[in-house]
C-alpha atoms as a PDB file:
ATOM      1  CA  MET A   1     144.173 -70.683 142.987  1.00  0.00           C
ATOM      2  CA  GLY A   2     143.780 -69.428 146.545  1.00  0.00           C
ATOM      3  CA  LEU A   3     145.602 -72.481 147.889  1.00  0.00           C
ATOM      4  CA  PHE A   4     148.398 -71.974 145.348  1.00  0.00           C
ATOM      5  CA  ASN A   5     148.767 -68.358 146.495  1.00  0.00           C
ATOM      6  CA  TRP A   6     148.946 -69.480 150.111  1.00  0.00           C
ATOM      7  CA  PHE A   7     151.873 -71.740 149.227  1.00  0.00           C
ATOM      8  CA  THR A   8     153.618 -69.090 147.121  1.00  0.00           C
ATOM      9  CA  GLN A   9     155.865 -66.458 148.648  1.00  0.00           C
ATOM     10  CA  GLU A  10     156.539 -63.377 146.539  1.00  0.00           C
ATOM     11  CA  ILE A  11     159.805 -61.469 146.727  1.00  0.00           C
ATOM     12  CA  ALA A  12     161.277 -58.589 144.734  1.00  0.00           C
ATOM     13  CA  ILE A  13     165.059 -58.442 144.355  1.00  0.00           C
ATOM     14  CA  ASP A  14     167.287 -55.552 143.299  1.00  0.00           C
ATOM     15  CA  LEU A  15     170.388 -57.553 142.422  1.00  0.00           C
ATOM     16  CA  GLY A  16     173.005 -54.804 142.411  1.00  0.00           C
ATOM     17  CA  THR A  17     176.762 -54.753 141.865  1.00  0.00           C
ATOM     18  CA  ALA A  18     177.307 -53.021 145.224  1.00  0.00           C
ATOM     19  CA  ASN A  19     174.159 -53.860 147.259  1.00  0.00           C
ATOM     20  CA  THR A  20     171.335 -56.375 147.048  1.00  0.00           C
ATOM     21  CA  LEU A  21     167.911 -55.424 148.419  1.00  0.00           C
ATOM     22  CA  ILE A  22     164.899 -57.700 148.882  1.00  0.00           C
ATOM     23  CA  ILE A  23     161.270 -56.668 149.396  1.00  0.00           C
ATOM     24  CA  HIS A  24     158.820 -59.102 150.994  1.00  0.00           C
ATOM     25  CA  ASN A  25     155.270 -58.149 152.068  1.00  0.00           C
ATOM     26  CA  ASP A  26     155.861 -54.517 150.956  1.00  0.00           C
ATOM     27  CA  LYS A  27     158.860 -54.099 153.303  1.00  0.00           C
ATOM     28  CA  VAL A  28     162.583 -53.982 152.564  1.00  0.00           C
ATOM     29  CA  VAL A  29     163.646 -57.015 154.597  1.00  0.00           C
ATOM     30  CA  VAL A  30     167.209 -57.416 153.299  1.00  0.00           C
ATOM     31  CA  ASP A  31     169.668 -54.618 152.464  1.00  0.00           C
ATOM     32  CA  GLU A  32     173.153 -56.107 152.261  1.00  0.00           C
ATOM     33  CA  PRO A  33     176.363 -55.604 150.252  1.00  0.00           C
ATOM     34  CA  SER A  34     176.631 -58.005 147.272  1.00  0.00           C
ATOM     35  CA  ILE A  35     179.579 -60.028 148.526  1.00  0.00           C
ATOM     36  CA  VAL A  36     180.231 -63.620 149.632  1.00  0.00           C
ATOM     37  CA  ALA A  37     183.131 -65.071 151.681  1.00  0.00           C
ATOM     38  CA  PHE A  38     184.238 -68.649 150.946  1.00  0.00           C
ATOM     39  CA  ASP A  39     186.555 -71.065 152.752  1.00  0.00           C
ATOM     40  CA  ARG A  40     189.146 -72.011 150.102  1.00  0.00           C
ATOM     41  CA  THR A  41     189.780 -75.501 151.540  1.00  0.00           C
ATOM     42  CA  THR A  42     186.156 -76.694 151.802  1.00  0.00           C
ATOM     43  CA  ASN A  43     184.610 -74.205 149.316  1.00  0.00           C
ATOM     44  CA  LYS A  44     181.824 -73.573 151.832  1.00  0.00           C
ATOM     45  CA  VAL A  45     180.206 -70.174 152.348  1.00  0.00           C
ATOM     46  CA  ILE A  46     181.439 -68.524 155.578  1.00  0.00           C
ATOM     47  CA  ALA A  47     179.575 -65.216 155.354  1.00  0.00           C
ATOM     48  CA  ILE A  48     177.248 -63.250 153.105  1.00  0.00           C
ATOM     49  CA  GLY A  49     176.532 -59.526 152.888  1.00  0.00           C
ATOM     50  CA  ARG A  50     177.665 -57.204 155.670  1.00  0.00           C
ATOM     51  CA  GLN A  51     179.694 -59.883 157.497  1.00  0.00           C
ATOM     52  CA  ALA A  52     181.573 -60.757 154.304  1.00  0.00           C
ATOM     53  CA  MET A  53     182.081 -57.048 153.596  1.00  0.00           C
ATOM     54  CA  GLN A  54     183.898 -56.649 156.931  1.00  0.00           C
ATOM     55  CA  MET A  55     186.302 -59.387 155.825  1.00  0.00           C
ATOM     56  CA  GLU A  56     187.080 -57.813 152.436  1.00  0.00           C
ATOM     57  CA  GLY A  57     190.735 -56.852 152.108  1.00  0.00           C
ATOM     58  CA  LYS A  58     191.522 -58.393 155.517  1.00  0.00           C
ATOM     59  CA  THR A  59     191.457 -62.133 154.764  1.00  0.00           C
ATOM     60  CA  HIS A  60     194.185 -64.757 155.149  1.00  0.00           C
ATOM     61  CA  GLU A  61     194.945 -67.336 152.439  1.00  0.00           C
ATOM     62  CA  ASN A  62     192.176 -69.757 153.501  1.00  0.00           C
ATOM     63  CA  ILE A  63     189.382 -67.217 153.006  1.00  0.00           C
ATOM     64  CA  LYS A  64     188.446 -65.490 149.777  1.00  0.00           C
ATOM     65  CA  THR A  65     185.808 -62.804 149.293  1.00  0.00           C
ATOM     66  CA  VAL A  66     183.913 -62.734 145.996  1.00  0.00           C
ATOM     67  CA  ARG A  67     181.689 -60.082 144.463  1.00  0.00           C
ATOM     68  CA  PRO A  68     179.410 -62.182 142.226  1.00  0.00           C
ATOM     69  CA  LEU A  69     178.282 -59.220 140.100  1.00  0.00           C
ATOM     70  CA  LYS A  70     180.466 -57.052 137.925  1.00  0.00           C
ATOM     71  CA  ASP A  71     179.154 -54.137 135.848  1.00  0.00           C
ATOM     72  CA  GLY A  72     175.585 -55.018 136.803  1.00  0.00           C
ATOM     73  CA  VAL A  73     175.725 -58.607 135.512  1.00  0.00           C
ATOM     74  CA  ILE A  74     176.598 -61.963 137.064  1.00  0.00           C
ATOM     75  CA  ALA A  75     180.325 -62.642 136.733  1.00  0.00           C
ATOM     76  CA  ASP A  76     180.513 -65.630 139.126  1.00  0.00           C
ATOM     77  CA  PHE A  77     177.533 -67.944 138.669  1.00  0.00           C
ATOM     78  CA  ASN A  78     178.253 -70.182 141.672  1.00  0.00           C
ATOM     79  CA  ALA A  79     178.793 -67.275 144.097  1.00  0.00           C
ATOM     80  CA  ALA A  80     175.650 -65.503 142.815  1.00  0.00           C
ATOM     81  CA  GLU A  81     173.527 -68.586 143.468  1.00  0.00           C
ATOM     82  CA  HIS A  82     174.928 -68.915 147.031  1.00  0.00           C
ATOM     83  CA  MET A  83     174.369 -65.196 147.635  1.00  0.00           C
ATOM     84  CA  ILE A  84     170.739 -65.210 146.434  1.00  0.00           C
ATOM     85  CA  ARG A  85     169.963 -68.333 148.469  1.00  0.00           C
ATOM     86  CA  GLY A  86     171.669 -66.922 151.585  1.00  0.00           C
ATOM     87  CA  MET A  87     169.845 -63.606 151.316  1.00  0.00           C
ATOM     88  CA  ILE A  88     166.469 -65.310 150.891  1.00  0.00           C
ATOM     89  CA  LYS A  89     167.225 -67.158 154.142  1.00  0.00           C
ATOM     90  CA  MET A  90     167.824 -63.786 155.826  1.00  0.00           C
ATOM     91  CA  ILE A  91     164.138 -62.904 155.343  1.00  0.00           C
ATOM     92  CA  ASN A  92     162.655 -62.927 158.840  1.00  0.00           C
ATOM     93  CA  ASN A  93     166.172 -63.804 160.114  1.00  0.00           C
ATOM     94  CA  GLY A  94     165.790 -67.312 158.727  1.00  0.00           C
ATOM     95  CA  LYS A  95     163.525 -68.396 161.574  1.00  0.00           C
ATOM     96  CA  GLY A  96     161.214 -71.256 160.678  1.00  0.00           C
ATOM     97  CA  TRP A  97     160.585 -70.104 157.133  1.00  0.00           C
ATOM     98  CA  PHE A  98     159.738 -72.669 154.552  1.00  0.00           C
ATOM     99  CA  PHE A  99     159.224 -71.325 151.057  1.00  0.00           C
ATOM    100  CA  PRO A 100     157.397 -74.067 149.146  1.00  0.00           C
ATOM    101  CA  SER A 101     157.253 -71.949 146.004  1.00  0.00           C
ATOM    102  CA  LEU A 102     158.901 -68.611 145.251  1.00  0.00           C
ATOM    103  CA  ARG A 103     157.782 -66.000 142.764  1.00  0.00           C
ATOM    104  CA  MET A 104     160.535 -63.482 142.098  1.00  0.00           C
ATOM    105  CA  VAL A 105     160.795 -60.199 140.243  1.00  0.00           C
ATOM    106  CA  ILE A 106     164.451 -59.322 139.651  1.00  0.00           C
ATOM    107  CA  CYS A 107     165.712 -56.109 138.085  1.00  0.00           C
ATOM    108  CA  ILE A 108     168.381 -56.158 135.375  1.00  0.00           C
ATOM    109  CA  PRO A 109     170.359 -53.450 133.494  1.00  0.00           C
ATOM    110  CA  SER A 110     168.720 -52.291 130.264  1.00  0.00           C
ATOM    111  CA  GLY A 111     171.840 -52.991 128.184  1.00  0.00           C
ATOM    112  CA  ILE A 112     172.017 -56.648 129.250  1.00  0.00           C
ATOM    113  CA  THR A 113     172.521 -59.436 126.653  1.00  0.00           C
ATOM    114  CA  GLU A 114     170.345 -62.554 126.327  1.00  0.00           C
ATOM    115  CA  VAL A 115     173.147 -64.700 127.792  1.00  0.00           C
ATOM    116  CA  GLU A 116     173.471 -62.422 130.854  1.00  0.00           C
ATOM    117  CA  LYS A 117     169.658 -62.459 131.244  1.00  0.00           C
ATOM    118  CA  ARG A 118     169.734 -66.262 131.184  1.00  0.00           C
ATOM    119  CA  ALA A 119     172.415 -66.279 133.926  1.00  0.00           C
ATOM    120  CA  VAL A 120     170.173 -64.168 136.224  1.00  0.00           C
ATOM    121  CA  ARG A 121     167.164 -66.408 135.560  1.00  0.00           C
ATOM    122  CA  ASP A 122     169.180 -69.628 136.090  1.00  0.00           C
ATOM    123  CA  SER A 123     170.690 -68.343 139.357  1.00  0.00           C
ATOM    124  CA  ALA A 124     167.209 -67.500 140.671  1.00  0.00           C
ATOM    125  CA  GLU A 125     165.789 -70.883 139.650  1.00  0.00           C
ATOM    126  CA  ILE A 126     168.652 -72.794 141.275  1.00  0.00           C
ATOM    127  CA  ALA A 127     168.114 -70.686 144.423  1.00  0.00           C
ATOM    128  CA  GLY A 128     164.510 -71.980 144.530  1.00  0.00           C
ATOM    129  CA  ALA A 129     162.333 -69.731 142.332  1.00  0.00           C
ATOM    130  CA  LYS A 130     159.425 -71.352 140.515  1.00  0.00           C
ATOM    131  CA  GLU A 131     158.445 -68.188 138.631  1.00  0.00           C
ATOM    132  CA  VAL A 132     160.981 -65.545 137.629  1.00  0.00           C
ATOM    133  CA  TYR A 133     160.109 -62.169 136.109  1.00  0.00           C
ATOM    134  CA  LEU A 134     162.702 -59.640 135.015  1.00  0.00           C
ATOM    135  CA  ILE A 135     162.333 -55.852 134.936  1.00  0.00           C
ATOM    136  CA  HIS A 136     164.748 -53.291 133.500  1.00  0.00           C
ATOM    137  CA  GLU A 137     166.323 -51.040 136.145  1.00  0.00           C
ATOM    138  CA  PRO A 138     165.286 -47.654 134.680  1.00  0.00           C
ATOM    139  CA  MET A 139     161.685 -48.896 134.420  1.00  0.00           C
ATOM    140  CA  ALA A 140     161.762 -50.124 138.042  1.00  0.00           C
ATOM    141  CA  ALA A 141     163.273 -46.789 139.147  1.00  0.00           C
ATOM    142  CA  ALA A 142     160.523 -44.856 137.332  1.00  0.00           C
ATOM    143  CA  VAL A 143     157.790 -46.933 139.002  1.00  0.00           C
ATOM    144  CA  GLY A 144     159.595 -46.593 142.364  1.00  0.00           C
ATOM    145  CA  ILE A 145     159.643 -42.786 142.304  1.00  0.00           C
ATOM    146  CA  GLY A 146     155.944 -42.606 141.457  1.00  0.00           C
ATOM    147  CA  ILE A 147     155.946 -41.908 137.705  1.00  0.00           C
ATOM    148  CA  ASP A 148     152.930 -43.264 135.796  1.00  0.00           C
ATOM    149  CA  VAL A 149     154.889 -45.215 133.170  1.00  0.00           C
ATOM    150  CA  GLU A 150     151.752 -46.198 131.229  1.00  0.00           C
ATOM    151  CA  GLU A 151     150.980 -42.586 130.245  1.00  0.00           C
ATOM    152  CA  PRO A 152     151.890 -41.300 126.737  1.00  0.00           C
ATOM    153  CA  MET A 153     154.312 -38.896 128.402  1.00  0.00           C
ATOM    154  CA  GLY A 154     158.102 -38.955 128.114  1.00  0.00           C
ATOM    155  CA  ASN A 155     160.229 -39.188 131.268  1.00  0.00           C
ATOM    156  CA  MET A 156     163.995 -39.449 131.470  1.00  0.00           C
ATOM    157  CA  ILE A 157     165.484 -41.588 134.236  1.00  0.00           C
ATOM    158  CA  ILE A 158     169.178 -41.814 135.108  1.00  0.00           C
ATOM    159  CA  ASP A 159     169.993 -44.660 137.480  1.00  0.00           C
ATOM    160  CA  ILE A 160     173.611 -44.520 138.705  1.00  0.00           C
ATOM    161  CA  GLY A 161     174.337 -47.793 140.489  1.00  0.00           C
ATOM    162  CA  GLY A 162     177.538 -49.566 141.503  1.00  0.00           C
ATOM    163  CA  GLY A 163     178.465 -51.138 138.166  1.00  0.00           C
ATOM    164  CA  THR A 164     176.359 -49.404 135.517  1.00  0.00           C
ATOM    165  CA  THR A 165     174.691 -46.097 134.752  1.00  0.00           C
ATOM    166  CA  GLU A 166     171.345 -46.616 133.052  1.00  0.00           C
ATOM    167  CA  ILE A 167     169.872 -43.727 131.105  1.00  0.00           C
ATOM    168  CA  ALA A 168     166.414 -44.283 129.620  1.00  0.00           C
ATOM    169  CA  VAL A 169     163.511 -42.352 128.148  1.00  0.00           C
ATOM    170  CA  ILE A 170     160.270 -44.047 129.158  1.00  0.00           C
ATOM    171  CA  ALA A 171     156.759 -43.709 127.694  1.00  0.00           C
ATOM    172  CA  LEU A 172     153.713 -45.999 127.289  1.00  0.00           C
ATOM    173  CA  SER A 173     155.134 -48.798 129.516  1.00  0.00           C
ATOM    174  CA  GLY A 174     158.275 -49.139 127.445  1.00  0.00           C
ATOM    175  CA  ILE A 175     161.837 -47.867 127.077  1.00  0.00           C
ATOM    176  CA  VAL A 176     161.907 -45.727 123.922  1.00  0.00           C
ATOM    177  CA  CYS A 177     165.646 -45.121 123.863  1.00  0.00           C
ATOM    178  CA  ASP A 178     168.385 -45.925 126.320  1.00  0.00           C
ATOM    179  CA  GLN A 179     172.096 -45.761 127.003  1.00  0.00           C
ATOM    180  CA  SER A 180     173.759 -48.191 129.395  1.00  0.00           C
ATOM    181  CA  ILE A 181     177.381 -47.466 130.276  1.00  0.00           C
ATOM    182  CA  ARG A 182     179.664 -49.336 132.624  1.00  0.00           C
ATOM    183  CA  VAL A 183     180.801 -46.223 134.471  1.00  0.00           C
ATOM    184  CA  ALA A 184     179.281 -45.839 137.944  1.00  0.00           C
ATOM    185  CA  GLY A 185     180.013 -46.014 141.687  1.00  0.00           C
ATOM    186  CA  ASP A 186     182.755 -48.672 141.393  1.00  0.00           C
ATOM    187  CA  ASN A 187     184.615 -46.510 138.859  1.00  0.00           C
ATOM    188  CA  PHE A 188     184.394 -43.561 141.263  1.00  0.00           C
ATOM    189  CA  ASP A 189     186.017 -45.763 143.945  1.00  0.00           C
ATOM    190  CA  SER A 190     188.869 -46.866 141.673  1.00  0.00           C
ATOM    191  CA  ASP A 191     189.407 -43.236 140.548  1.00  0.00           C
ATOM    192  CA  ILE A 192     189.818 -42.253 144.216  1.00  0.00           C
ATOM    193  CA  VAL A 193     192.252 -45.156 144.879  1.00  0.00           C
ATOM    194  CA  ASN A 194     194.393 -44.142 141.857  1.00  0.00           C
ATOM    195  CA  TYR A 195     194.301 -40.444 142.743  1.00  0.00           C
ATOM    196  CA  ILE A 196     195.397 -40.997 146.382  1.00  0.00           C
ATOM    197  CA  ARG A 197     198.213 -43.265 145.158  1.00  0.00           C
ATOM    198  CA  ARG A 198     199.390 -40.760 142.532  1.00  0.00           C
ATOM    199  CA  GLN A 199     199.034 -37.522 144.476  1.00  0.00           C
ATOM    200  CA  HIS A 200     199.791 -38.611 148.034  1.00  0.00           C
ATOM    201  CA  ASN A 201     201.873 -41.772 147.509  1.00  0.00           C
ATOM    202  CA  ILE A 202     199.473 -43.725 149.726  1.00  0.00           C
ATOM    203  CA  MET A 203     197.834 -47.054 149.005  1.00  0.00           C
ATOM    204  CA  ILE A 204     194.222 -47.420 150.173  1.00  0.00           C
ATOM    205  CA  GLY A 205     191.624 -50.165 149.724  1.00  0.00           C
ATOM    206  CA  ASP A 206     188.237 -50.055 147.988  1.00  0.00           C
ATOM    207  CA  ARG A 207     186.341 -49.832 151.279  1.00  0.00           C
ATOM    208  CA  THR A 208     188.309 -46.739 152.317  1.00  0.00           C
ATOM    209  CA  ALA A 209     187.724 -45.234 148.857  1.00  0.00           C
ATOM    210  CA  GLU A 210     183.993 -45.761 149.271  1.00  0.00           C
ATOM    211  CA  ARG A 211     184.058 -44.019 152.659  1.00  0.00           C
ATOM    212  CA  ILE A 212     185.901 -41.061 151.105  1.00  0.00           C
ATOM    213  CA  LYS A 213     183.254 -40.922 148.343  1.00  0.00           C
ATOM    214  CA  ILE A 214     180.437 -40.889 150.920  1.00  0.00           C
ATOM    215  CA  GLU A 215     182.086 -38.372 153.284  1.00  0.00           C
ATOM    216  CA  VAL A 216     183.634 -35.854 150.863  1.00  0.00           C
ATOM    217  CA  GLY A 217     182.617 -37.037 147.376  1.00  0.00           C
ATOM    218  CA  SER A 218     181.600 -34.203 145.051  1.00  0.00           C
ATOM    219  CA  ALA A 219     180.874 -33.607 141.369  1.00  0.00           C
ATOM    220  CA  LEU A 220     181.677 -29.889 141.599  1.00  0.00           C
ATOM    221  CA  PRO A 221     184.889 -28.220 142.873  1.00  0.00           C
ATOM    222  CA  GLU A 222     182.837 -25.472 144.545  1.00  0.00           C
ATOM    223  CA  LEU A 223     179.867 -26.270 146.784  1.00  0.00           C
ATOM    224  CA  GLN A 224     177.669 -24.021 148.914  1.00  0.00           C
ATOM    225  CA  ASP A 225     177.465 -26.289 151.960  1.00  0.00           C
ATOM    226  CA  ALA A 226     180.877 -27.879 151.643  1.00  0.00           C
ATOM    227  CA  PRO A 227     181.852 -30.913 153.780  1.00  0.00           C
ATOM    228  CA  GLY A 228     184.948 -30.642 155.972  1.00  0.00           C
ATOM    229  CA  ASP A 229     188.235 -32.367 155.133  1.00  0.00           C
ATOM    230  CA  PHE A 230     188.370 -36.113 155.745  1.00  0.00           C
ATOM    231  CA  ALA A 231     191.217 -38.048 157.416  1.00  0.00           C
ATOM    232  CA  VAL A 232     192.420 -41.046 155.380  1.00  0.00           C
ATOM    233  CA  GLN A 233     194.682 -43.813 156.642  1.00  0.00           C
ATOM    234  CA  GLY A 234     196.681 -46.033 154.319  1.00  0.00           C
ATOM    235  CA  ARG A 235     200.116 -47.461 153.552  1.00  0.00           C
ATOM    236  CA  ASP A 236     202.880 -45.091 152.540  1.00  0.00           C
ATOM    237  CA  LEU A 237     204.336 -46.420 149.261  1.00  0.00           C
ATOM    238  CA  MET A 238     207.794 -44.949 149.955  1.00  0.00           C
ATOM    239  CA  THR A 239     208.363 -46.282 153.476  1.00  0.00           C
ATOM    240  CA  GLY A 240     205.713 -49.053 153.714  1.00  0.00           C
ATOM    241  CA  VAL A 241     204.581 -47.582 157.056  1.00  0.00           C
ATOM    242  CA  PRO A 242     200.912 -46.749 157.836  1.00  0.00           C
ATOM    243  CA  LYS A 243     200.219 -43.049 157.419  1.00  0.00           C
ATOM    244  CA  GLN A 244     197.353 -40.557 157.703  1.00  0.00           C
ATOM    245  CA  ILE A 245     196.538 -37.663 155.368  1.00  0.00           C
ATOM    246  CA  THR A 246     193.523 -35.380 154.915  1.00  0.00           C
ATOM    247  CA  VAL A 247     191.633 -34.958 151.637  1.00  0.00           C
ATOM    248  CA  SER A 248     189.213 -32.207 150.662  1.00  0.00           C
ATOM    249  CA  TYR A 249     186.056 -32.407 148.551  1.00  0.00           C
ATOM    250  CA  THR A 250     187.752 -30.211 145.875  1.00  0.00           C
ATOM    251  CA  GLU A 251     190.426 -32.890 145.348  1.00  0.00           C
ATOM    252  CA  ILE A 252     187.798 -35.634 145.012  1.00  0.00           C
ATOM    253  CA  ALA A 253     185.758 -33.506 142.562  1.00  0.00           C
ATOM    254  CA  HIS A 254     188.915 -33.156 140.461  1.00  0.00           C
ATOM    255  CA  CYS A 255     189.655 -36.903 140.457  1.00  0.00           C
ATOM    256  CA  LEU A 256     186.043 -37.907 139.604  1.00  0.00           C
ATOM    257  CA  ASP A 257     185.798 -35.397 136.763  1.00  0.00           C
ATOM    258  CA  LYS A 258     186.638 -37.830 133.902  1.00  0.00           C
ATOM    259  CA  SER A 259     184.138 -40.500 134.966  1.00  0.00           C
ATOM    260  CA  ILE A 260     181.345 -37.946 135.454  1.00  0.00           C
ATOM    261  CA  SER A 261     182.133 -36.488 131.998  1.00  0.00           C
ATOM    262  CA  LYS A 262     181.543 -39.970 130.489  1.00  0.00           C
ATOM    263  CA  ILE A 263     178.120 -40.104 132.193  1.00  0.00           C
ATOM    264  CA  GLU A 264     177.331 -36.615 130.851  1.00  0.00           C
ATOM    265  CA  GLU A 265     178.285 -37.724 127.313  1.00  0.00           C
ATOM    266  CA  ALA A 266     175.937 -40.717 127.580  1.00  0.00           C
ATOM    267  CA  ILE A 267     173.100 -38.438 128.788  1.00  0.00           C
ATOM    268  CA  LEU A 268     173.602 -36.119 125.791  1.00  0.00           C
ATOM    269  CA  LYS A 269     173.690 -39.135 123.449  1.00  0.00           C
ATOM    270  CA  ALA A 270     170.394 -40.423 124.878  1.00  0.00           C
ATOM    271  CA  LEU A 271     168.824 -36.964 124.464  1.00  0.00           C
ATOM    272  CA  GLU A 272     170.121 -36.856 120.876  1.00  0.00           C
ATOM    273  CA  ILE A 273     168.284 -40.054 119.862  1.00  0.00           C
ATOM    274  CA  THR A 274     165.044 -39.149 121.689  1.00  0.00           C
ATOM    275  CA  PRO A 275     162.036 -38.587 119.369  1.00  0.00           C
ATOM    276  CA  PRO A 276     161.094 -34.860 119.188  1.00  0.00           C
ATOM    277  CA  GLU A 277     157.670 -35.254 120.868  1.00  0.00           C
ATOM    278  CA  LEU A 278     159.303 -36.934 123.857  1.00  0.00           C
ATOM    279  CA  SER A 279     162.041 -34.277 123.932  1.00  0.00           C
ATOM    280  CA  ALA A 280     159.272 -31.702 124.369  1.00  0.00           C
ATOM    281  CA  ASP A 281     157.926 -33.713 127.348  1.00  0.00           C
ATOM    282  CA  ILE A 282     161.389 -33.992 128.936  1.00  0.00           C
ATOM    283  CA  TYR A 283     161.801 -30.209 128.624  1.00  0.00           C
ATOM    284  CA  GLN A 284     158.682 -29.909 130.806  1.00  0.00           C
ATOM    285  CA  THR A 285     159.315 -32.763 133.284  1.00  0.00           C
ATOM    286  CA  GLY A 286     163.108 -32.636 133.521  1.00  0.00           C
ATOM    287  CA  ILE A 287     165.480 -35.485 134.381  1.00  0.00           C
ATOM    288  CA  TYR A 288     165.156 -37.819 137.392  1.00  0.00           C
ATOM    289  CA  LEU A 289     168.282 -39.101 139.166  1.00  0.00           C
ATOM    290  CA  THR A 290     168.127 -42.390 141.110  1.00  0.00           C
ATOM    291  CA  GLY A 291     170.616 -44.945 142.471  1.00  0.00           C
ATOM    292  CA  GLY A 292     173.445 -44.479 144.971  1.00  0.00           C
ATOM    293  CA  GLY A 293     175.372 -42.225 142.568  1.00  0.00           C
ATOM    294  CA  ALA A 294     172.536 -39.667 142.738  1.00  0.00           C
ATOM    295  CA  LEU A 295     173.699 -38.884 146.310  1.00  0.00           C
ATOM    296  CA  LEU A 296     177.024 -37.489 145.037  1.00  0.00           C
ATOM    297  CA  ARG A 297     177.120 -33.827 146.078  1.00  0.00           C
ATOM    298  CA  GLY A 298     176.507 -31.355 143.256  1.00  0.00           C
ATOM    299  CA  LEU A 299     175.827 -34.005 140.593  1.00  0.00           C
ATOM    300  CA  ASP A 300     172.309 -32.700 139.933  1.00  0.00           C
ATOM    301  CA  LYS A 301     173.640 -29.142 139.427  1.00  0.00           C
ATOM    302  CA  ARG A 302     176.403 -30.374 137.123  1.00  0.00           C
ATOM    303  CA  VAL A 303     174.007 -32.419 134.937  1.00  0.00           C
ATOM    304  CA  SER A 304     171.550 -29.517 134.920  1.00  0.00           C
ATOM    305  CA  SER A 305     174.170 -27.014 133.717  1.00  0.00           C
ATOM    306  CA  LYS A 306     175.314 -29.460 131.002  1.00  0.00           C
ATOM    307  CA  THR A 307     171.829 -30.257 129.653  1.00  0.00           C
ATOM    308  CA  LYS A 308     170.094 -26.941 130.530  1.00  0.00           C
ATOM    309  CA  LEU A 309     167.222 -29.046 131.930  1.00  0.00           C
ATOM    310  CA  PRO A 310     165.782 -29.258 135.466  1.00  0.00           C
ATOM    311  CA  VAL A 311     167.235 -32.246 137.372  1.00  0.00           C
ATOM    312  CA  HIS A 312     165.366 -33.870 140.287  1.00  0.00           C
ATOM    313  CA  VAL A 313     167.040 -36.231 142.770  1.00  0.00           C
ATOM    314  CA  ALA A 314     164.529 -38.882 143.887  1.00  0.00           C
ATOM    315  CA  ASP A 315     163.603 -39.259 147.564  1.00  0.00           C
ATOM    316  CA  ASP A 316     165.686 -42.139 148.972  1.00  0.00           C
ATOM    317  CA  PRO A 317     167.365 -42.769 145.564  1.00  0.00           C
ATOM    318  CA  LEU A 318     169.136 -45.905 146.868  1.00  0.00           C
ATOM    319  CA  ARG A 319     165.825 -47.735 147.243  1.00  0.00           C
ATOM    320  CA  ALA A 320     163.940 -46.340 144.228  1.00  0.00           C
ATOM    321  CA  VAL A 321     164.706 -49.389 142.065  1.00  0.00           C
ATOM    322  CA  VAL A 322     163.739 -51.980 144.673  1.00  0.00           C
ATOM    323  CA  ARG A 323     160.543 -50.038 145.514  1.00  0.00           C
ATOM    324  CA  GLY A 324     159.561 -50.138 141.842  1.00  0.00           C
ATOM    325  CA  THR A 325     160.401 -53.845 141.673  1.00  0.00           C
ATOM    326  CA  GLY A 326     158.130 -54.405 144.707  1.00  0.00           C
ATOM    327  CA  ILE A 327     155.239 -52.484 143.107  1.00  0.00           C
ATOM    328  CA  SER A 328     155.570 -54.449 139.870  1.00  0.00           C
ATOM    329  CA  LEU A 329     155.590 -57.696 141.894  1.00  0.00           C
ATOM    330  CA  LYS A 330     152.092 -56.853 143.136  1.00  0.00           C
ATOM    331  CA  ASN A 331     150.930 -56.161 139.566  1.00  0.00           C
ATOM    332  CA  VAL A 332     152.691 -58.994 137.734  1.00  0.00           C
ATOM    333  CA  GLN A 333     149.607 -59.726 135.588  1.00  0.00           C
ATOM    334  CA  ASN A 334     149.002 -56.092 134.571  1.00  0.00           C
ATOM    335  CA  PHE A 335     152.463 -54.735 133.870  1.00  0.00           C
ATOM    336  CA  LYS A 336     153.354 -55.379 130.250  1.00  0.00           C
ATOM    337  CA  PHE A 337     156.997 -54.393 130.689  1.00  0.00           C
ATOM    338  CA  LEU A 338     157.848 -57.419 132.867  1.00  0.00           C
ATOM    339  CA  ILE A 339     159.798 -60.121 131.013  1.00  0.00           C
ATOM    340  CA  GLN A 340     158.931 -63.674 131.983  1.00  0.00           C
END
């Protein structure tokens, strides 16, 4: 067994719609955008991750950029396999690494179908995994922020990623009730693109929309420590000439309102179907926010005022899921909630 372990490398992967993170030897060794660039003529991979991201929206006809995951699940099987393989090579900068046998723990959305689960497992196996374990994202997030999931105590986790928002009530190593909706960071970006086009007659790309979301994104129209206005460059739809405008956080709060309302509805629905004993626990412990969406200014206050419950934003919410996946990788034999 010792020899087998010596030949086996263990990695934990948070396969996200927006970013993919890999943990190896308890360290986050890869943190890259989930995107691949292909040469159309030869169908070979030109770039993966950050390099491919820089090409997005700026390619000529011989290069295409592909996001293999949509709404938290694999939409392009071939691109996903290339991306996983390429990111595994990035571990230790690809220098002299030979992985004879890979054991992987990969996190998946809780509302995933059996077919989508199979696609994740197949992609990992083709990329070189001998053993593949799957873990649901809210469970990984709970483990990652230090909650003892094996206790008979209810905890509510909301993981707002790029493609999906996962809402789950966890107790005794299992998900008691959950809501998975396909409204998350990507929807916020497209809301911003549509708003800038409608209100200012300017066309911007998804990357610019994401920068706006990071710089002046807000869930509330009034904030205490408000960010300053942000300069946005794009193409004027009337003249076709590049143009610059400034947007304020109040405008962005207004344009994100509908999407955030959908997330609030899903939270209330999850609370509605929670067993009464667990509801009593959640009243004590509150709600935990993880994922990139948790960084949206004022979101915790907005959710708190809607639910009348305390809302805690996790430390480093972006990496909560991958941290939990890494911890479960070390305890593969003990954790009952891992799916083999």
